[in-house]
Amino acid sequence: MSSGELKPQRKTRTSSAVKNRYNAKAYRKFQAAIKPDLSQRIEDYTAREGISKPEFLERAINALDK
């Protein structure tokens, strides 16, 4: 290899273990069993508003706190 040639840079990827450790520190899982009609209402609302389910939950809690 001459001095003018460069080695192509290796693509790096964050390992699943690193991602899992970060997620365990930064987030908590929340799970609930709800009736299908309520689930559909939530799905419809989040799709219509373009928000995630965690954002939906945050909005609902904030509305209850008012």
PDB file of N, CA and C in Angstrom:
ATOM      1  N   MET A   1       0.852  -1.175   0.000  1.00  0.00           N
ATOM      2  CA  MET A   1       0.000   0.000   0.000  1.00  0.00           C
ATOM      3  C   MET A   1       0.890   1.228   0.000  1.00  0.00           C
ATOM      4  N   SER A   2       0.656   2.114  -0.931  1.00  0.00           N
ATOM      5  CA  SER A   2       1.466   3.330  -0.996  1.00  0.00           C
ATOM      6  C   SER A   2       0.957   4.359   0.009  1.00  0.00           C
ATOM      7  N   SER A   3       1.721   5.389   0.225  1.00  0.00           N
ATOM      8  CA  SER A   3       1.350   6.393   1.226  1.00  0.00           C
ATOM      9  C   SER A   3       0.112   7.187   0.817  1.00  0.00           C
ATOM     10  N   GLY A   4      -0.244   7.176  -0.487  1.00  0.00           N
ATOM     11  CA  GLY A   4      -1.406   7.916  -0.952  1.00  0.00           C
ATOM     12  C   GLY A   4      -2.715   7.149  -0.781  1.00  0.00           C
ATOM     13  N   GLU A   5      -2.608   5.851  -0.530  1.00  0.00           N
ATOM     14  CA  GLU A   5      -3.829   5.035  -0.391  1.00  0.00           C
ATOM     15  C   GLU A   5      -4.239   4.973   1.074  1.00  0.00           C
ATOM     16  N   LEU A   6      -5.518   5.069   1.300  1.00  0.00           N
ATOM     17  CA  LEU A   6      -6.049   4.984   2.654  1.00  0.00           C
ATOM     18  C   LEU A   6      -6.839   3.697   2.807  1.00  0.00           C
ATOM     19  N   LYS A   7      -6.779   3.145   3.993  1.00  0.00           N
ATOM     20  CA  LYS A   7      -7.605   1.970   4.278  1.00  0.00           C
ATOM     21  C   LYS A   7      -9.051   2.435   4.387  1.00  0.00           C
ATOM     22  N   PRO A   8      -9.974   1.686   3.813  1.00  0.00           N
ATOM     23  CA  PRO A   8     -11.380   2.077   4.003  1.00  0.00           C
ATOM     24  C   PRO A   8     -11.741   1.942   5.481  1.00  0.00           C
ATOM     25  N   GLN A   9     -12.499   2.908   5.979  1.00  0.00           N
ATOM     26  CA  GLN A   9     -12.880   2.857   7.385  1.00  0.00           C
ATOM     27  C   GLN A   9     -13.881   1.747   7.609  1.00  0.00           C
ATOM     28  N   ARG A  10     -13.694   1.091   8.711  1.00  0.00           N
ATOM     29  CA  ARG A  10     -14.581   0.017   9.090  1.00  0.00           C
ATOM     30  C   ARG A  10     -15.876   0.613   9.617  1.00  0.00           C
ATOM     31  N   LYS A  11     -17.007   0.038   9.229  1.00  0.00           N
ATOM     32  CA  LYS A  11     -18.283   0.489   9.772  1.00  0.00           C
ATOM     33  C   LYS A  11     -18.413  -0.081  11.176  1.00  0.00           C
ATOM     34  N   THR A  12     -18.765   0.782  12.105  1.00  0.00           N
ATOM     35  CA  THR A  12     -18.925   0.310  13.481  1.00  0.00           C
ATOM     36  C   THR A  12     -20.399   0.243  13.815  1.00  0.00           C
ATOM     37  N   ARG A  13     -20.714  -0.655  14.679  1.00  0.00           N
ATOM     38  CA  ARG A  13     -22.095  -0.802  15.136  1.00  0.00           C
ATOM     39  C   ARG A  13     -22.091  -0.954  16.640  1.00  0.00           C
ATOM     40  N   THR A  14     -23.063  -0.337  17.263  1.00  0.00           N
ATOM     41  CA  THR A  14     -23.205  -0.482  18.699  1.00  0.00           C
ATOM     42  C   THR A  14     -23.785  -1.860  18.969  1.00  0.00           C
ATOM     43  N   SER A  15     -23.171  -2.563  19.885  1.00  0.00           N
ATOM     44  CA  SER A  15     -23.629  -3.916  20.160  1.00  0.00           C
ATOM     45  C   SER A  15     -24.987  -3.904  20.859  1.00  0.00           C
ATOM     46  N   SER A  16     -25.698  -4.987  20.712  1.00  0.00           N
ATOM     47  CA  SER A  16     -27.003  -5.120  21.374  1.00  0.00           C
ATOM     48  C   SER A  16     -26.845  -5.034  22.882  1.00  0.00           C
ATOM     49  N   ALA A  17     -25.765  -5.582  23.404  1.00  0.00           N
ATOM     50  CA  ALA A  17     -25.544  -5.550  24.854  1.00  0.00           C
ATOM     51  C   ALA A  17     -25.415  -4.115  25.348  1.00  0.00           C
ATOM     52  N   VAL A  18     -24.704  -3.273  24.595  1.00  0.00           N
ATOM     53  CA  VAL A  18     -24.545  -1.873  24.982  1.00  0.00           C
ATOM     54  C   VAL A  18     -25.895  -1.163  24.928  1.00  0.00           C
ATOM     55  N   LYS A  19     -26.649  -1.391  23.868  1.00  0.00           N
ATOM     56  CA  LYS A  19     -27.979  -0.777  23.741  1.00  0.00           C
ATOM     57  C   LYS A  19     -28.893  -1.224  24.871  1.00  0.00           C
ATOM     58  N   ASN A  20     -28.850  -2.515  25.199  1.00  0.00           N
ATOM     59  CA  ASN A  20     -29.701  -3.039  26.273  1.00  0.00           C
ATOM     60  C   ASN A  20     -29.334  -2.427  27.620  1.00  0.00           C
ATOM     61  N   ARG A  21     -28.038  -2.257  27.888  1.00  0.00           N
ATOM     62  CA  ARG A  21     -27.624  -1.630  29.148  1.00  0.00           C
ATOM     63  C   ARG A  21     -28.112  -0.194  29.220  1.00  0.00           C
ATOM     64  N   TYR A  22     -27.983   0.544  28.118  1.00  0.00           N
ATOM     65  CA  TYR A  22     -28.456   1.931  28.101  1.00  0.00           C
ATOM     66  C   TYR A  22     -29.967   1.980  28.327  1.00  0.00           C
ATOM     67  N   ASN A  23     -30.716   1.168  27.603  1.00  0.00           N
ATOM     68  CA  ASN A  23     -32.174   1.173  27.734  1.00  0.00           C
ATOM     69  C   ASN A  23     -32.602   0.800  29.149  1.00  0.00           C
ATOM     70  N   ALA A  24     -31.892  -0.119  29.786  1.00  0.00           N
ATOM     71  CA  ALA A  24     -32.230  -0.507  31.161  1.00  0.00           C
ATOM     72  C   ALA A  24     -32.045   0.663  32.127  1.00  0.00           C
ATOM     73  N   LYS A  25     -31.043   1.512  31.866  1.00  0.00           N
ATOM     74  CA  LYS A  25     -30.799   2.677  32.727  1.00  0.00           C
ATOM     75  C   LYS A  25     -31.760   3.821  32.423  1.00  0.00           C
ATOM     76  N   ALA A  26     -32.075   4.027  31.156  1.00  0.00           N
ATOM     77  CA  ALA A  26     -32.809   5.214  30.732  1.00  0.00           C
ATOM     78  C   ALA A  26     -34.324   5.050  30.713  1.00  0.00           C
ATOM     79  N   TYR A  27     -34.801   3.828  30.650  1.00  0.00           N
ATOM     80  CA  TYR A  27     -36.235   3.595  30.487  1.00  0.00           C
ATOM     81  C   TYR A  27     -36.734   2.521  31.442  1.00  0.00           C
ATOM     82  N   ARG A  28     -38.022   2.545  31.682  1.00  0.00           N
ATOM     83  CA  ARG A  28     -38.701   1.478  32.412  1.00  0.00           C
ATOM     84  C   ARG A  28     -39.822   0.968  31.540  1.00  0.00           C
ATOM     85  N   LYS A  29     -40.039  -0.327  31.579  1.00  0.00           N
ATOM     86  CA  LYS A  29     -41.119  -0.914  30.792  1.00  0.00           C
ATOM     87  C   LYS A  29     -42.419  -0.806  31.571  1.00  0.00           C
ATOM     88  N   PHE A  30     -43.487  -0.556  30.843  1.00  0.00           N
ATOM     89  CA  PHE A  30     -44.816  -0.440  31.429  1.00  0.00           C
ATOM     90  C   PHE A  30     -45.742  -1.301  30.585  1.00  0.00           C
ATOM     91  N   GLN A  31     -46.443  -2.200  31.224  1.00  0.00           N
ATOM     92  CA  GLN A  31     -47.306  -3.109  30.480  1.00  0.00           C
ATOM     93  C   GLN A  31     -48.680  -3.139  31.150  1.00  0.00           C
ATOM     94  N   ALA A  32     -49.713  -3.152  30.334  1.00  0.00           N
ATOM     95  CA  ALA A  32     -51.079  -3.194  30.869  1.00  0.00           C
ATOM     96  C   ALA A  32     -51.946  -4.044  29.953  1.00  0.00           C
ATOM     97  N   ALA A  33     -52.865  -4.770  30.558  1.00  0.00           N
ATOM     98  CA  ALA A  33     -53.837  -5.547  29.787  1.00  0.00           C
ATOM     99  C   ALA A  33     -55.105  -4.704  29.693  1.00  0.00           C
ATOM    100  N   ILE A  34     -55.494  -4.359  28.464  1.00  0.00           N
ATOM    101  CA  ILE A  34     -56.680  -3.527  28.261  1.00  0.00           C
ATOM    102  C   ILE A  34     -57.600  -4.194  27.252  1.00  0.00           C
ATOM    103  N   LYS A  35     -58.849  -3.768  27.285  1.00  0.00           N
ATOM    104  CA  LYS A  35     -59.838  -4.343  26.375  1.00  0.00           C
ATOM    105  C   LYS A  35     -59.546  -3.912  24.943  1.00  0.00           C
ATOM    106  N   PRO A  36     -59.907  -4.755  23.984  1.00  0.00           N
ATOM    107  CA  PRO A  36     -59.617  -4.451  22.580  1.00  0.00           C
ATOM    108  C   PRO A  36     -60.169  -3.112  22.101  1.00  0.00           C
ATOM    109  N   ASP A  37     -61.362  -2.717  22.554  1.00  0.00           N
ATOM    110  CA  ASP A  37     -61.925  -1.448  22.086  1.00  0.00           C
ATOM    111  C   ASP A  37     -61.111  -0.254  22.584  1.00  0.00           C
ATOM    112  N   LEU A  38     -60.617  -0.326  23.806  1.00  0.00           N
ATOM    113  CA  LEU A  38     -59.768   0.743  24.329  1.00  0.00           C
ATOM    114  C   LEU A  38     -58.426   0.762  23.593  1.00  0.00           C
ATOM    115  N   SER A  39     -57.900  -0.396  23.328  1.00  0.00           N
ATOM    116  CA  SER A  39     -56.650  -0.495  22.574  1.00  0.00           C
ATOM    117  C   SER A  39     -56.807   0.147  21.193  1.00  0.00           C
ATOM    118  N   GLN A  40     -57.924  -0.110  20.550  1.00  0.00           N
ATOM    119  CA  GLN A  40     -58.175   0.462  19.223  1.00  0.00           C
ATOM    120  C   GLN A  40     -58.302   1.976  19.292  1.00  0.00           C
ATOM    121  N   ARG A  41     -58.957   2.474  20.339  1.00  0.00           N
ATOM    122  CA  ARG A  41     -59.079   3.929  20.511  1.00  0.00           C
ATOM    123  C   ARG A  41     -57.707   4.573  20.669  1.00  0.00           C
ATOM    124  N   ILE A  42     -56.835   3.922  21.432  1.00  0.00           N
ATOM    125  CA  ILE A  42     -55.483   4.450  21.624  1.00  0.00           C
ATOM    126  C   ILE A  42     -54.711   4.415  20.306  1.00  0.00           C
ATOM    127  N   GLU A  43     -54.805   3.304  19.592  1.00  0.00           N
ATOM    128  CA  GLU A  43     -54.130   3.183  18.297  1.00  0.00           C
ATOM    129  C   GLU A  43     -54.613   4.276  17.331  1.00  0.00           C
ATOM    130  N   ASP A  44     -55.925   4.465  17.281  1.00  0.00           N
ATOM    131  CA  ASP A  44     -56.492   5.481  16.391  1.00  0.00           C
ATOM    132  C   ASP A  44     -56.002   6.879  16.762  1.00  0.00           C
ATOM    133  N   TYR A  45     -56.005   7.183  18.056  1.00  0.00           N
ATOM    134  CA  TYR A  45     -55.580   8.500  18.516  1.00  0.00           C
ATOM    135  C   TYR A  45     -54.111   8.742  18.199  1.00  0.00           C
ATOM    136  N   THR A  46     -53.256   7.779  18.514  1.00  0.00           N
ATOM    137  CA  THR A  46     -51.827   7.967  18.278  1.00  0.00           C
ATOM    138  C   THR A  46     -51.522   8.100  16.788  1.00  0.00           C
ATOM    139  N   ALA A  47     -52.235   7.353  15.955  1.00  0.00           N
ATOM    140  CA  ALA A  47     -52.031   7.457  14.507  1.00  0.00           C
ATOM    141  C   ALA A  47     -52.507   8.819  13.996  1.00  0.00           C
ATOM    142  N   ARG A  48     -53.669   9.259  14.473  1.00  0.00           N
ATOM    143  CA  ARG A  48     -54.232  10.538  14.040  1.00  0.00           C
ATOM    144  C   ARG A  48     -53.337  11.708  14.459  1.00  0.00           C
ATOM    145  N   GLU A  49     -52.812  11.652  15.673  1.00  0.00           N
ATOM    146  CA  GLU A  49     -51.978  12.736  16.196  1.00  0.00           C
ATOM    147  C   GLU A  49     -50.511  12.598  15.788  1.00  0.00           C
ATOM    148  N   GLY A  50     -50.131  11.427  15.276  1.00  0.00           N
ATOM    149  CA  GLY A  50     -48.737  11.200  14.888  1.00  0.00           C
ATOM    150  C   GLY A  50     -47.800  11.144  16.080  1.00  0.00           C
ATOM    151  N   ILE A  51     -48.263  10.530  17.173  1.00  0.00           N
ATOM    152  CA  ILE A  51     -47.452  10.447  18.391  1.00  0.00           C
ATOM    153  C   ILE A  51     -47.231   8.983  18.762  1.00  0.00           C
ATOM    154  N   SER A  52     -46.264   8.767  19.639  1.00  0.00           N
ATOM    155  CA  SER A  52     -45.976   7.423  20.127  1.00  0.00           C
ATOM    156  C   SER A  52     -46.884   7.097  21.314  1.00  0.00           C
ATOM    157  N   LYS A  53     -46.920   5.848  21.680  1.00  0.00           N
ATOM    158  CA  LYS A  53     -47.725   5.446  22.847  1.00  0.00           C
ATOM    159  C   LYS A  53     -47.180   6.055  24.141  1.00  0.00           C
ATOM    160  N   PRO A  54     -45.844   6.122  24.327  1.00  0.00           N
ATOM    161  CA  PRO A  54     -45.358   6.813  25.527  1.00  0.00           C
ATOM    162  C   PRO A  54     -45.775   8.283  25.570  1.00  0.00           C
ATOM    163  N   GLU A  55     -45.774   8.939  24.417  1.00  0.00           N
ATOM    164  CA  GLU A  55     -46.212  10.341  24.386  1.00  0.00           C
ATOM    165  C   GLU A  55     -47.708  10.438  24.693  1.00  0.00           C
ATOM    166  N   PHE A  56     -48.496   9.481  24.198  1.00  0.00           N
ATOM    167  CA  PHE A  56     -49.921   9.443  24.511  1.00  0.00           C
ATOM    168  C   PHE A  56     -50.122   9.331  26.025  1.00  0.00           C
ATOM    169  N   LEU A  57     -49.375   8.430  26.642  1.00  0.00           N
ATOM    170  CA  LEU A  57     -49.499   8.225  28.084  1.00  0.00           C
ATOM    171  C   LEU A  57     -49.107   9.484  28.846  1.00  0.00           C
ATOM    172  N   GLU A  58     -48.052  10.143  28.405  1.00  0.00           N
ATOM    173  CA  GLU A  58     -47.631  11.377  29.053  1.00  0.00           C
ATOM    174  C   GLU A  58     -48.701  12.457  28.930  1.00  0.00           C
ATOM    175  N   ARG A  59     -49.302  12.590  27.747  1.00  0.00           N
ATOM    176  CA  ARG A  59     -50.375  13.574  27.554  1.00  0.00           C
ATOM    177  C   ARG A  59     -51.572  13.257  28.450  1.00  0.00           C
ATOM    178  N   ALA A  60     -51.926  11.990  28.539  1.00  0.00           N
ATOM    179  CA  ALA A  60     -53.085  11.590  29.361  1.00  0.00           C
ATOM    180  C   ALA A  60     -52.823  11.914  30.840  1.00  0.00           C
ATOM    181  N   ILE A  61     -51.647  11.609  31.322  1.00  0.00           N
ATOM    182  CA  ILE A  61     -51.313  11.890  32.725  1.00  0.00           C
ATOM    183  C   ILE A  61     -51.282  13.389  32.970  1.00  0.00           C
ATOM    184  N   ASN A  62     -50.708  14.147  32.039  1.00  0.00           N
ATOM    185  CA  ASN A  62     -50.669  15.606  32.200  1.00  0.00           C
ATOM    186  C   ASN A  62     -52.084  16.188  32.222  1.00  0.00           C
ATOM    187  N   ALA A  63     -52.987  15.636  31.412  1.00  0.00           N
ATOM    188  CA  ALA A  63     -54.373  16.123  31.407  1.00  0.00           C
ATOM    189  C   ALA A  63     -55.050  15.808  32.749  1.00  0.00           C
ATOM    190  N   LEU A  64     -54.742  14.669  33.328  1.00  0.00           N
ATOM    191  CA  LEU A  64     -55.335  14.312  34.626  1.00  0.00           C
ATOM    192  C   LEU A  64     -54.798  15.184  35.754  1.00  0.00           C
ATOM    193  N   ASP A  65     -53.553  15.640  35.624  1.00  0.00           N
ATOM    194  CA  ASP A  65     -52.943  16.464  36.668  1.00  0.00           C
ATOM    195  C   ASP A  65     -53.464  17.899  36.675  1.00  0.00           C
ATOM    196  N   LYS A  66     -54.111  18.330  35.605  1.00  0.00           N
ATOM    197  CA  LYS A  66     -54.600  19.708  35.526  1.00  0.00           C
ATOM    198  C   LYS A  66     -55.775  19.936  36.422  1.00  0.00           C
TER     199      LYS A  66
END
